[in-house]
Amino acid sequence: MKKYSLDSRKVEQAMNDWLHKRGVQRTDIAELVMYLQQGYYSDLTLEECLASVEKVLAKREVQNAVLTGIQLDLLADQGKLFSPLQDMIENDEGLYGCDEVLALSIVNIYGSIGFTNFGYLDKVKPGIIGKLNKKGGPMVHTFLDDIVGAIAASAASSIAHNKQKIAEEKNARQAEPTDGSEI
C-alpha cells in the first residue's frame, strides 16, 4: 500500500476547481461580504472583500469543509446516498441541520461576529446563496449554500476585526505625546 502524504496544494486546487464547477466565483462571495459590511465601513472596497475571502479560503480547515460538503452534494446529485439520507440531502430537509453544522466549522474560526453574520445570511439568503438554495435545479447544493454563507460570514468577521485593530492603532498613535516627553 502506498504511503499517504497530504499535498496541500492539491487540496486547495481541488477546492478551487469544485467551487468553479458548482458555479461559485470568489467575486460572488466577496459581494456577500460587501453586503454584510458596507453599512459599517463606507470606504470598504470589493477588492478588500475579495482579499478577505481569499484569506479565509487559504485555511486548510475551510478547504476540508468545502470539499466535504461539495462531495456530499455530488453524491446526492447522483442518487448515491442511502435512504433516508439521500432524500434529506436532496430535498434540503429543514430539520437535517448537518449542512449548517459543517458550515459552522468554518465560522467557528472567526468568532461570534462570524456566527451572527452566518445566521443572518442563512435567513436572508442574498446573492449566490439564494441561487444555490433554489430547489429543483440540476444540482443539489444543500451543503454548498451554507458553506458559501460561512465563508462570506467569516471574511466579513475578519474585516470587522481588522478594521477595529486599525482604528485602535490609529487612536493610540494620536494619543502619544508629540514633543518627546512622557506623561
N, C-alpha and C. Protein backbone atom coordinates (compact mmCIF):
# COMPACT_ATOMS: atom_id res chain seq x y z
N MET A 1 0.83 -1.17 0.00
CA MET A 1 0.00 0.00 0.00
C MET A 1 0.89 1.25 0.00
N LYS A 2 0.54 2.19 -0.85
CA LYS A 2 1.29 3.44 -0.96
C LYS A 2 1.09 4.28 0.30
N LYS A 3 2.19 4.84 0.80
CA LYS A 3 2.12 5.69 2.00
C LYS A 3 1.42 7.01 1.64
N TYR A 4 0.46 7.38 2.49
CA TYR A 4 -0.29 8.62 2.28
C TYR A 4 0.54 9.82 2.71
N SER A 5 0.50 10.86 1.93
CA SER A 5 1.13 12.13 2.28
C SER A 5 0.25 13.26 1.76
N LEU A 6 -0.17 14.11 2.64
CA LEU A 6 -1.04 15.23 2.27
C LEU A 6 -0.30 16.20 1.36
N ASP A 7 -0.95 16.60 0.30
CA ASP A 7 -0.41 17.61 -0.59
C ASP A 7 -1.37 18.81 -0.53
N SER A 8 -1.01 19.79 0.25
CA SER A 8 -1.89 20.94 0.49
C SER A 8 -2.22 21.70 -0.80
N ARG A 9 -1.29 21.73 -1.72
CA ARG A 9 -1.56 22.41 -3.00
C ARG A 9 -2.66 21.71 -3.77
N LYS A 10 -2.65 20.37 -3.74
CA LYS A 10 -3.70 19.61 -4.43
C LYS A 10 -5.06 19.83 -3.78
N VAL A 11 -5.07 19.90 -2.46
CA VAL A 11 -6.32 20.14 -1.73
C VAL A 11 -6.89 21.50 -2.12
N GLU A 12 -6.05 22.52 -2.09
CA GLU A 12 -6.50 23.87 -2.45
C GLU A 12 -6.97 23.93 -3.90
N GLN A 13 -6.23 23.30 -4.79
CA GLN A 13 -6.62 23.30 -6.20
C GLN A 13 -7.94 22.57 -6.41
N ALA A 14 -8.11 21.45 -5.74
CA ALA A 14 -9.38 20.70 -5.84
C ALA A 14 -10.54 21.55 -5.34
N MET A 15 -10.34 22.25 -4.22
CA MET A 15 -11.39 23.13 -3.71
C MET A 15 -11.74 24.20 -4.74
N ASN A 16 -10.72 24.83 -5.29
CA ASN A 16 -10.95 25.88 -6.29
C ASN A 16 -11.70 25.33 -7.51
N ASP A 17 -11.28 24.17 -7.98
CA ASP A 17 -11.92 23.56 -9.15
C ASP A 17 -13.39 23.24 -8.86
N TRP A 18 -13.66 22.65 -7.69
CA TRP A 18 -15.03 22.26 -7.37
C TRP A 18 -15.94 23.46 -7.13
N LEU A 19 -15.42 24.50 -6.51
CA LEU A 19 -16.25 25.71 -6.37
C LEU A 19 -16.65 26.23 -7.74
N HIS A 20 -15.68 26.27 -8.65
CA HIS A 20 -15.95 26.75 -10.01
C HIS A 20 -16.96 25.84 -10.72
N LYS A 21 -16.76 24.53 -10.64
CA LYS A 21 -17.68 23.59 -11.29
C LYS A 21 -19.10 23.70 -10.75
N ARG A 22 -19.23 24.08 -9.49
CA ARG A 22 -20.55 24.19 -8.87
C ARG A 22 -21.13 25.60 -9.02
N GLY A 23 -20.44 26.46 -9.78
CA GLY A 23 -20.99 27.77 -10.11
C GLY A 23 -20.71 28.88 -9.12
N VAL A 24 -19.72 28.70 -8.27
CA VAL A 24 -19.40 29.72 -7.28
C VAL A 24 -18.08 30.41 -7.64
N GLN A 25 -18.16 31.71 -7.80
CA GLN A 25 -16.97 32.52 -8.07
C GLN A 25 -16.61 33.28 -6.79
N ARG A 26 -15.34 33.56 -6.63
CA ARG A 26 -14.90 34.32 -5.45
C ARG A 26 -15.58 35.69 -5.38
N THR A 27 -15.81 36.29 -6.52
CA THR A 27 -16.47 37.61 -6.50
C THR A 27 -17.89 37.51 -5.97
N ASP A 28 -18.56 36.37 -6.21
CA ASP A 28 -19.90 36.16 -5.64
C ASP A 28 -19.84 36.22 -4.12
N ILE A 29 -18.82 35.59 -3.56
CA ILE A 29 -18.66 35.56 -2.10
C ILE A 29 -18.26 36.95 -1.61
N ALA A 30 -17.37 37.62 -2.33
CA ALA A 30 -16.94 38.97 -1.95
C ALA A 30 -18.13 39.94 -1.94
N GLU A 31 -19.05 39.76 -2.86
CA GLU A 31 -20.24 40.61 -2.88
C GLU A 31 -21.10 40.40 -1.64
N LEU A 32 -21.14 39.18 -1.13
CA LEU A 32 -21.85 38.92 0.13
C LEU A 32 -21.16 39.62 1.30
N VAL A 33 -19.84 39.59 1.29
CA VAL A 33 -19.07 40.28 2.34
C VAL A 33 -19.37 41.77 2.29
N MET A 34 -19.37 42.33 1.10
CA MET A 34 -19.70 43.75 0.93
C MET A 34 -21.11 44.03 1.45
N TYR A 35 -22.04 43.17 1.13
CA TYR A 35 -23.42 43.29 1.59
C TYR A 35 -23.48 43.35 3.11
N LEU A 36 -22.68 42.52 3.77
CA LEU A 36 -22.68 42.48 5.23
C LEU A 36 -21.99 43.69 5.87
N GLN A 37 -20.94 44.21 5.24
CA GLN A 37 -20.10 45.20 5.90
C GLN A 37 -20.23 46.64 5.40
N GLN A 38 -20.88 46.86 4.26
CA GLN A 38 -20.89 48.20 3.68
C GLN A 38 -21.56 49.24 4.57
N GLY A 39 -22.51 48.85 5.40
CA GLY A 39 -23.15 49.79 6.31
C GLY A 39 -22.26 50.23 7.45
N TYR A 40 -21.19 49.51 7.70
CA TYR A 40 -20.28 49.82 8.80
C TYR A 40 -19.03 50.55 8.33
N TYR A 41 -18.62 50.31 7.10
CA TYR A 41 -17.37 50.87 6.57
C TYR A 41 -17.64 51.46 5.19
N SER A 42 -17.86 52.75 5.14
CA SER A 42 -18.22 53.40 3.87
C SER A 42 -17.08 53.35 2.85
N ASP A 43 -15.85 53.19 3.32
CA ASP A 43 -14.71 53.16 2.42
C ASP A 43 -14.33 51.74 1.98
N LEU A 44 -15.11 50.75 2.38
CA LEU A 44 -14.81 49.37 2.03
C LEU A 44 -14.93 49.15 0.52
N THR A 45 -13.98 48.41 -0.03
CA THR A 45 -13.99 48.13 -1.46
C THR A 45 -14.23 46.64 -1.70
N LEU A 46 -14.69 46.33 -2.89
CA LEU A 46 -14.87 44.93 -3.27
C LEU A 46 -13.52 44.20 -3.26
N GLU A 47 -12.46 44.91 -3.58
CA GLU A 47 -11.12 44.31 -3.58
C GLU A 47 -10.73 43.87 -2.16
N GLU A 48 -11.05 44.70 -1.15
CA GLU A 48 -10.79 44.32 0.24
C GLU A 48 -11.60 43.08 0.62
N CYS A 49 -12.84 43.07 0.19
CA CYS A 49 -13.71 41.92 0.48
C CYS A 49 -13.15 40.66 -0.17
N LEU A 50 -12.71 40.78 -1.40
CA LEU A 50 -12.14 39.65 -2.12
C LEU A 50 -10.86 39.15 -1.44
N ALA A 51 -10.02 40.07 -0.98
CA ALA A 51 -8.80 39.68 -0.28
C ALA A 51 -9.14 38.93 1.01
N SER A 52 -10.19 39.34 1.68
CA SER A 52 -10.61 38.66 2.90
C SER A 52 -11.15 37.27 2.59
N VAL A 53 -11.89 37.15 1.50
CA VAL A 53 -12.39 35.83 1.07
C VAL A 53 -11.20 34.91 0.77
N GLU A 54 -10.21 35.43 0.07
CA GLU A 54 -9.01 34.64 -0.25
C GLU A 54 -8.32 34.15 1.01
N LYS A 55 -8.26 35.03 2.01
CA LYS A 55 -7.63 34.69 3.29
C LYS A 55 -8.38 33.53 3.97
N VAL A 56 -9.70 33.58 3.94
CA VAL A 56 -10.50 32.51 4.53
C VAL A 56 -10.30 31.21 3.76
N LEU A 57 -10.34 31.28 2.44
CA LEU A 57 -10.20 30.08 1.60
C LEU A 57 -8.81 29.46 1.67
N ALA A 58 -7.83 30.20 2.15
CA ALA A 58 -6.48 29.67 2.27
C ALA A 58 -6.32 28.74 3.47
N LYS A 59 -7.28 28.74 4.37
CA LYS A 59 -7.19 27.90 5.57
C LYS A 59 -7.57 26.46 5.25
N ARG A 60 -6.75 25.55 5.72
CA ARG A 60 -6.96 24.13 5.44
C ARG A 60 -8.31 23.65 5.97
N GLU A 61 -8.70 24.10 7.17
CA GLU A 61 -9.98 23.67 7.73
C GLU A 61 -11.14 24.05 6.81
N VAL A 62 -11.03 25.21 6.20
CA VAL A 62 -12.06 25.68 5.28
C VAL A 62 -12.05 24.83 4.02
N GLN A 63 -10.88 24.57 3.48
CA GLN A 63 -10.76 23.75 2.28
C GLN A 63 -11.36 22.36 2.52
N ASN A 64 -11.09 21.79 3.68
CA ASN A 64 -11.63 20.47 4.01
C ASN A 64 -13.16 20.51 4.08
N ALA A 65 -13.71 21.53 4.71
CA ALA A 65 -15.16 21.65 4.82
C ALA A 65 -15.80 21.84 3.44
N VAL A 66 -15.18 22.66 2.60
CA VAL A 66 -15.70 22.88 1.24
C VAL A 66 -15.73 21.57 0.47
N LEU A 67 -14.63 20.85 0.47
CA LEU A 67 -14.56 19.59 -0.27
C LEU A 67 -15.54 18.56 0.27
N THR A 68 -15.67 18.48 1.58
CA THR A 68 -16.60 17.51 2.18
C THR A 68 -18.04 17.83 1.79
N GLY A 69 -18.42 19.09 1.92
CA GLY A 69 -19.79 19.48 1.58
C GLY A 69 -20.12 19.28 0.12
N ILE A 70 -19.20 19.68 -0.75
CA ILE A 70 -19.44 19.51 -2.19
C ILE A 70 -19.54 18.03 -2.55
N GLN A 71 -18.70 17.19 -1.95
CA GLN A 71 -18.76 15.76 -2.25
C GLN A 71 -20.11 15.17 -1.83
N LEU A 72 -20.62 15.58 -0.68
CA LEU A 72 -21.94 15.10 -0.26
C LEU A 72 -23.04 15.58 -1.20
N ASP A 73 -22.94 16.84 -1.64
CA ASP A 73 -23.91 17.34 -2.63
C ASP A 73 -23.82 16.56 -3.93
N LEU A 74 -22.61 16.25 -4.37
CA LEU A 74 -22.42 15.48 -5.61
C LEU A 74 -23.01 14.08 -5.49
N LEU A 75 -22.76 13.43 -4.37
CA LEU A 75 -23.33 12.09 -4.17
C LEU A 75 -24.86 12.15 -4.19
N ALA A 76 -25.43 13.20 -3.62
CA ALA A 76 -26.88 13.36 -3.67
C ALA A 76 -27.34 13.61 -5.11
N ASP A 77 -26.58 14.42 -5.87
CA ASP A 77 -26.89 14.64 -7.30
C ASP A 77 -27.02 13.31 -8.03
N GLN A 78 -26.13 12.40 -7.72
CA GLN A 78 -26.04 11.12 -8.42
C GLN A 78 -26.92 10.04 -7.81
N GLY A 79 -27.64 10.39 -6.73
CA GLY A 79 -28.51 9.42 -6.08
C GLY A 79 -27.74 8.30 -5.40
N LYS A 80 -26.53 8.56 -4.96
CA LYS A 80 -25.67 7.50 -4.43
C LYS A 80 -25.66 7.40 -2.90
N LEU A 81 -26.50 8.15 -2.24
CA LEU A 81 -26.59 8.04 -0.79
C LEU A 81 -27.72 7.08 -0.43
N PHE A 82 -27.62 6.46 0.72
CA PHE A 82 -28.67 5.56 1.17
C PHE A 82 -29.85 6.36 1.71
N SER A 83 -31.05 5.82 1.50
CA SER A 83 -32.25 6.41 2.06
C SER A 83 -32.25 6.15 3.56
N PRO A 84 -32.67 7.06 4.36
CA PRO A 84 -33.34 8.32 4.09
C PRO A 84 -32.40 9.50 3.88
N LEU A 85 -31.06 9.29 4.06
CA LEU A 85 -30.12 10.40 3.91
C LEU A 85 -30.21 11.02 2.51
N GLN A 86 -30.33 10.19 1.48
CA GLN A 86 -30.45 10.69 0.12
C GLN A 86 -31.60 11.69 0.02
N ASP A 87 -32.76 11.31 0.53
CA ASP A 87 -33.95 12.17 0.45
C ASP A 87 -33.76 13.45 1.25
N MET A 88 -33.16 13.33 2.43
CA MET A 88 -32.97 14.52 3.26
C MET A 88 -32.04 15.53 2.60
N ILE A 89 -30.92 15.06 2.05
CA ILE A 89 -29.98 15.99 1.42
C ILE A 89 -30.53 16.49 0.09
N GLU A 90 -31.11 15.61 -0.69
CA GLU A 90 -31.66 16.01 -1.99
C GLU A 90 -32.74 17.08 -1.84
N ASN A 91 -33.51 17.01 -0.77
CA ASN A 91 -34.60 17.96 -0.54
C ASN A 91 -34.25 19.06 0.46
N ASP A 92 -33.00 19.12 0.89
CA ASP A 92 -32.55 20.11 1.86
C ASP A 92 -33.52 20.19 3.05
N GLU A 93 -33.75 19.04 3.64
CA GLU A 93 -34.67 18.90 4.77
C GLU A 93 -34.31 19.90 5.87
N GLY A 94 -35.29 20.70 6.26
CA GLY A 94 -35.08 21.75 7.25
C GLY A 94 -34.61 21.26 8.61
N LEU A 95 -34.98 20.04 8.99
CA LEU A 95 -34.58 19.52 10.29
C LEU A 95 -33.30 18.68 10.22
N TYR A 96 -32.68 18.59 9.06
CA TYR A 96 -31.46 17.81 8.91
C TYR A 96 -30.31 18.48 9.67
N GLY A 97 -29.99 19.71 9.36
CA GLY A 97 -29.05 20.52 10.14
C GLY A 97 -27.58 20.23 10.01
N CYS A 98 -27.20 19.09 9.47
CA CYS A 98 -25.77 18.78 9.36
C CYS A 98 -25.06 19.70 8.37
N ASP A 99 -25.80 20.22 7.40
CA ASP A 99 -25.21 21.16 6.47
C ASP A 99 -24.78 22.44 7.19
N GLU A 100 -25.61 22.92 8.12
CA GLU A 100 -25.25 24.09 8.91
C GLU A 100 -24.10 23.78 9.87
N VAL A 101 -24.10 22.59 10.43
CA VAL A 101 -23.04 22.21 11.37
C VAL A 101 -21.69 22.22 10.65
N LEU A 102 -21.63 21.67 9.45
CA LEU A 102 -20.38 21.70 8.69
C LEU A 102 -19.97 23.14 8.40
N ALA A 103 -20.92 23.98 8.01
CA ALA A 103 -20.62 25.39 7.74
C ALA A 103 -20.12 26.10 9.01
N LEU A 104 -20.68 25.74 10.14
CA LEU A 104 -20.26 26.38 11.39
C LEU A 104 -18.81 26.03 11.75
N SER A 105 -18.30 24.92 11.23
CA SER A 105 -16.89 24.61 11.46
C SER A 105 -15.99 25.66 10.81
N ILE A 106 -16.47 26.29 9.77
CA ILE A 106 -15.74 27.39 9.12
C ILE A 106 -15.88 28.65 9.96
N VAL A 107 -17.11 28.98 10.30
CA VAL A 107 -17.41 30.21 11.03
C VAL A 107 -16.72 30.21 12.40
N ASN A 108 -16.60 29.05 12.99
CA ASN A 108 -16.00 28.92 14.33
C ASN A 108 -14.61 29.50 14.40
N ILE A 109 -13.91 29.52 13.30
CA ILE A 109 -12.54 30.05 13.25
C ILE A 109 -12.53 31.56 13.51
N TYR A 110 -13.64 32.24 13.23
CA TYR A 110 -13.68 33.70 13.25
C TYR A 110 -14.54 34.31 14.35
N GLY A 111 -15.01 33.53 15.30
CA GLY A 111 -15.65 34.08 16.48
C GLY A 111 -17.11 34.44 16.33
N SER A 112 -17.62 35.10 17.35
CA SER A 112 -19.06 35.35 17.47
C SER A 112 -19.62 36.24 16.37
N ILE A 113 -18.85 37.17 15.86
CA ILE A 113 -19.34 38.00 14.77
C ILE A 113 -19.62 37.13 13.55
N GLY A 114 -18.76 36.17 13.32
CA GLY A 114 -18.96 35.24 12.22
C GLY A 114 -20.25 34.45 12.38
N PHE A 115 -20.55 34.03 13.61
CA PHE A 115 -21.79 33.27 13.86
C PHE A 115 -23.02 34.11 13.55
N THR A 116 -23.03 35.35 14.01
CA THR A 116 -24.21 36.19 13.77
C THR A 116 -24.33 36.53 12.28
N ASN A 117 -23.20 36.79 11.62
CA ASN A 117 -23.23 37.05 10.18
C ASN A 117 -23.78 35.83 9.43
N PHE A 118 -23.33 34.64 9.83
CA PHE A 118 -23.78 33.42 9.17
C PHE A 118 -25.28 33.22 9.36
N GLY A 119 -25.76 33.41 10.57
CA GLY A 119 -27.19 33.26 10.83
C GLY A 119 -28.02 34.20 9.99
N TYR A 120 -27.54 35.43 9.85
CA TYR A 120 -28.25 36.41 9.03
C TYR A 120 -28.26 35.98 7.56
N LEU A 121 -27.13 35.59 7.04
CA LEU A 121 -27.07 35.17 5.63
C LEU A 121 -27.93 33.93 5.40
N ASP A 122 -27.93 33.00 6.35
CA ASP A 122 -28.71 31.79 6.21
C ASP A 122 -30.21 32.10 6.20
N LYS A 123 -30.61 33.12 6.90
CA LYS A 123 -32.02 33.51 6.95
C LYS A 123 -32.43 34.29 5.69
N VAL A 124 -31.63 35.27 5.31
CA VAL A 124 -31.98 36.18 4.20
C VAL A 124 -31.66 35.58 2.84
N LYS A 125 -30.59 34.82 2.74
CA LYS A 125 -30.14 34.15 1.51
C LYS A 125 -29.95 35.11 0.32
N PRO A 126 -29.11 36.13 0.50
CA PRO A 126 -28.88 37.06 -0.61
C PRO A 126 -27.92 36.49 -1.66
N GLY A 127 -27.94 37.08 -2.84
CA GLY A 127 -26.95 36.79 -3.88
C GLY A 127 -26.84 35.32 -4.24
N ILE A 128 -25.61 34.87 -4.31
CA ILE A 128 -25.31 33.49 -4.74
C ILE A 128 -25.93 32.46 -3.79
N ILE A 129 -26.10 32.81 -2.53
CA ILE A 129 -26.70 31.86 -1.59
C ILE A 129 -28.13 31.54 -2.01
N GLY A 130 -28.89 32.55 -2.38
CA GLY A 130 -30.26 32.34 -2.85
C GLY A 130 -30.31 31.50 -4.11
N LYS A 131 -29.36 31.74 -5.02
CA LYS A 131 -29.30 30.95 -6.25
C LYS A 131 -28.99 29.49 -5.96
N LEU A 132 -28.04 29.26 -5.07
CA LEU A 132 -27.67 27.88 -4.73
C LEU A 132 -28.78 27.18 -3.96
N ASN A 133 -29.57 27.92 -3.22
CA ASN A 133 -30.61 27.35 -2.36
C ASN A 133 -31.87 26.94 -3.12
N LYS A 134 -32.00 27.40 -4.37
CA LYS A 134 -33.20 27.06 -5.15
C LYS A 134 -33.31 25.56 -5.34
N LYS A 135 -34.48 25.05 -5.09
CA LYS A 135 -34.73 23.61 -5.22
C LYS A 135 -35.16 23.27 -6.64
N GLY A 136 -34.96 22.04 -7.02
CA GLY A 136 -35.46 21.56 -8.30
C GLY A 136 -34.54 21.76 -9.47
N GLY A 137 -33.36 22.34 -9.26
CA GLY A 137 -32.42 22.50 -10.36
C GLY A 137 -31.66 21.22 -10.64
N PRO A 138 -30.74 21.28 -11.56
CA PRO A 138 -30.00 20.07 -11.93
C PRO A 138 -28.97 19.64 -10.88
N MET A 139 -28.64 20.54 -9.94
CA MET A 139 -27.63 20.21 -8.93
C MET A 139 -28.18 20.41 -7.53
N VAL A 140 -27.76 19.55 -6.62
CA VAL A 140 -28.08 19.70 -5.20
C VAL A 140 -27.00 20.56 -4.57
N HIS A 141 -27.41 21.56 -3.80
CA HIS A 141 -26.46 22.45 -3.12
C HIS A 141 -26.79 22.57 -1.64
N THR A 142 -27.27 21.49 -1.05
CA THR A 142 -27.68 21.52 0.36
C THR A 142 -26.54 21.98 1.26
N PHE A 143 -25.35 21.50 1.01
CA PHE A 143 -24.19 21.90 1.81
C PHE A 143 -23.56 23.18 1.28
N LEU A 144 -23.48 23.32 -0.03
CA LEU A 144 -22.72 24.42 -0.61
C LEU A 144 -23.31 25.80 -0.29
N ASP A 145 -24.62 25.95 -0.26
CA ASP A 145 -25.18 27.27 0.05
C ASP A 145 -24.76 27.71 1.45
N ASP A 146 -24.75 26.78 2.40
CA ASP A 146 -24.34 27.12 3.76
C ASP A 146 -22.84 27.36 3.85
N ILE A 147 -22.07 26.59 3.11
CA ILE A 147 -20.62 26.76 3.12
C ILE A 147 -20.25 28.12 2.54
N VAL A 148 -20.88 28.52 1.45
CA VAL A 148 -20.61 29.84 0.87
C VAL A 148 -20.99 30.94 1.87
N GLY A 149 -22.12 30.77 2.54
CA GLY A 149 -22.51 31.74 3.56
C GLY A 149 -21.50 31.81 4.69
N ALA A 150 -20.96 30.66 5.08
CA ALA A 150 -19.97 30.63 6.15
C ALA A 150 -18.67 31.30 5.74
N ILE A 151 -18.26 31.10 4.50
CA ILE A 151 -17.04 31.76 4.00
C ILE A 151 -17.23 33.27 4.00
N ALA A 152 -18.37 33.72 3.50
CA ALA A 152 -18.66 35.16 3.48
C ALA A 152 -18.75 35.73 4.89
N ALA A 153 -19.43 35.03 5.78
CA ALA A 153 -19.56 35.48 7.17
C ALA A 153 -18.20 35.57 7.84
N SER A 154 -17.35 34.61 7.58
CA SER A 154 -16.00 34.60 8.15
C SER A 154 -15.16 35.74 7.59
N ALA A 155 -15.24 35.96 6.30
CA ALA A 155 -14.49 37.05 5.67
C ALA A 155 -14.97 38.40 6.20
N ALA A 156 -16.27 38.56 6.40
CA ALA A 156 -16.81 39.80 6.95
C ALA A 156 -16.34 39.99 8.39
N SER A 157 -16.31 38.92 9.14
CA SER A 157 -15.82 38.98 10.52
C SER A 157 -14.36 39.39 10.56
N SER A 158 -13.58 38.83 9.67
CA SER A 158 -12.17 39.17 9.60
C SER A 158 -11.98 40.66 9.29
N ILE A 159 -12.77 41.17 8.39
CA ILE A 159 -12.71 42.61 8.07
C ILE A 159 -13.05 43.43 9.30
N ALA A 160 -14.11 43.07 9.99
CA ALA A 160 -14.52 43.82 11.18
C ALA A 160 -13.41 43.84 12.23
N HIS A 161 -12.79 42.68 12.46
CA HIS A 161 -11.70 42.62 13.43
C HIS A 161 -10.51 43.45 12.98
N ASN A 162 -10.16 43.37 11.71
CA ASN A 162 -9.02 44.14 11.19
C ASN A 162 -9.28 45.64 11.22
N LYS A 163 -10.48 46.05 10.86
CA LYS A 163 -10.81 47.49 10.89
C LYS A 163 -10.75 48.02 12.32
N GLN A 164 -11.22 47.22 13.28
CA GLN A 164 -11.15 47.63 14.68
C GLN A 164 -9.71 47.78 15.14
N LYS A 165 -8.87 46.83 14.76
CA LYS A 165 -7.46 46.89 15.13
C LYS A 165 -6.79 48.13 14.56
N ILE A 166 -7.08 48.44 13.30
CA ILE A 166 -6.51 49.63 12.65
C ILE A 166 -6.97 50.89 13.37
N ALA A 167 -8.25 50.97 13.71
CA ALA A 167 -8.79 52.14 14.42
C ALA A 167 -8.12 52.30 15.79
N GLU A 168 -7.92 51.21 16.50
CA GLU A 168 -7.27 51.28 17.81
C GLU A 168 -5.82 51.72 17.69
N GLU A 169 -5.12 51.22 16.68
CA GLU A 169 -3.72 51.62 16.48
C GLU A 169 -3.64 53.10 16.13
N LYS A 170 -4.56 53.57 15.32
CA LYS A 170 -4.60 54.99 14.95
C LYS A 170 -4.87 55.85 16.18
N ASN A 171 -5.81 55.45 17.00
CA ASN A 171 -6.12 56.19 18.22
C ASN A 171 -4.94 56.20 19.18
N ALA A 172 -4.23 55.10 19.27
CA ALA A 172 -3.07 55.02 20.15
C ALA A 172 -1.96 55.96 19.68
N ARG A 173 -1.74 56.03 18.37
CA ARG A 173 -0.72 56.93 17.83
C ARG A 173 -1.08 58.38 18.08
N GLN A 174 -2.37 58.70 17.94
CA GLN A 174 -2.82 60.08 18.16
C GLN A 174 -2.72 60.48 19.62
N ALA A 175 -2.80 59.53 20.52
CA ALA A 175 -2.74 59.80 21.95
C ALA A 175 -1.31 59.94 22.45
N GLU A 176 -0.33 59.55 21.65
CA GLU A 176 1.07 59.63 22.05
C GLU A 176 1.51 61.08 22.07
N PRO A 177 2.33 61.45 23.07
CA PRO A 177 2.85 62.83 23.10
C PRO A 177 3.72 63.10 21.88
N THR A 178 3.62 64.28 21.33
CA THR A 178 4.37 64.62 20.11
C THR A 178 5.66 65.36 20.41
N ASP A 179 5.85 65.85 21.64
CA ASP A 179 7.06 66.60 21.95
C ASP A 179 8.17 65.75 22.52
N GLY A 180 7.97 64.45 22.56
CA GLY A 180 9.00 63.56 23.06
C GLY A 180 8.96 63.37 24.56
N SER A 181 8.16 64.11 25.26
CA SER A 181 8.08 63.95 26.71
C SER A 181 7.08 62.87 27.06
N GLU A 182 7.27 62.28 28.21
CA GLU A 182 6.35 61.25 28.67
C GLU A 182 5.48 61.83 29.76
N ILE A 183 4.33 61.29 29.89
CA ILE A 183 3.38 61.77 30.90
C ILE A 183 3.64 61.08 32.21
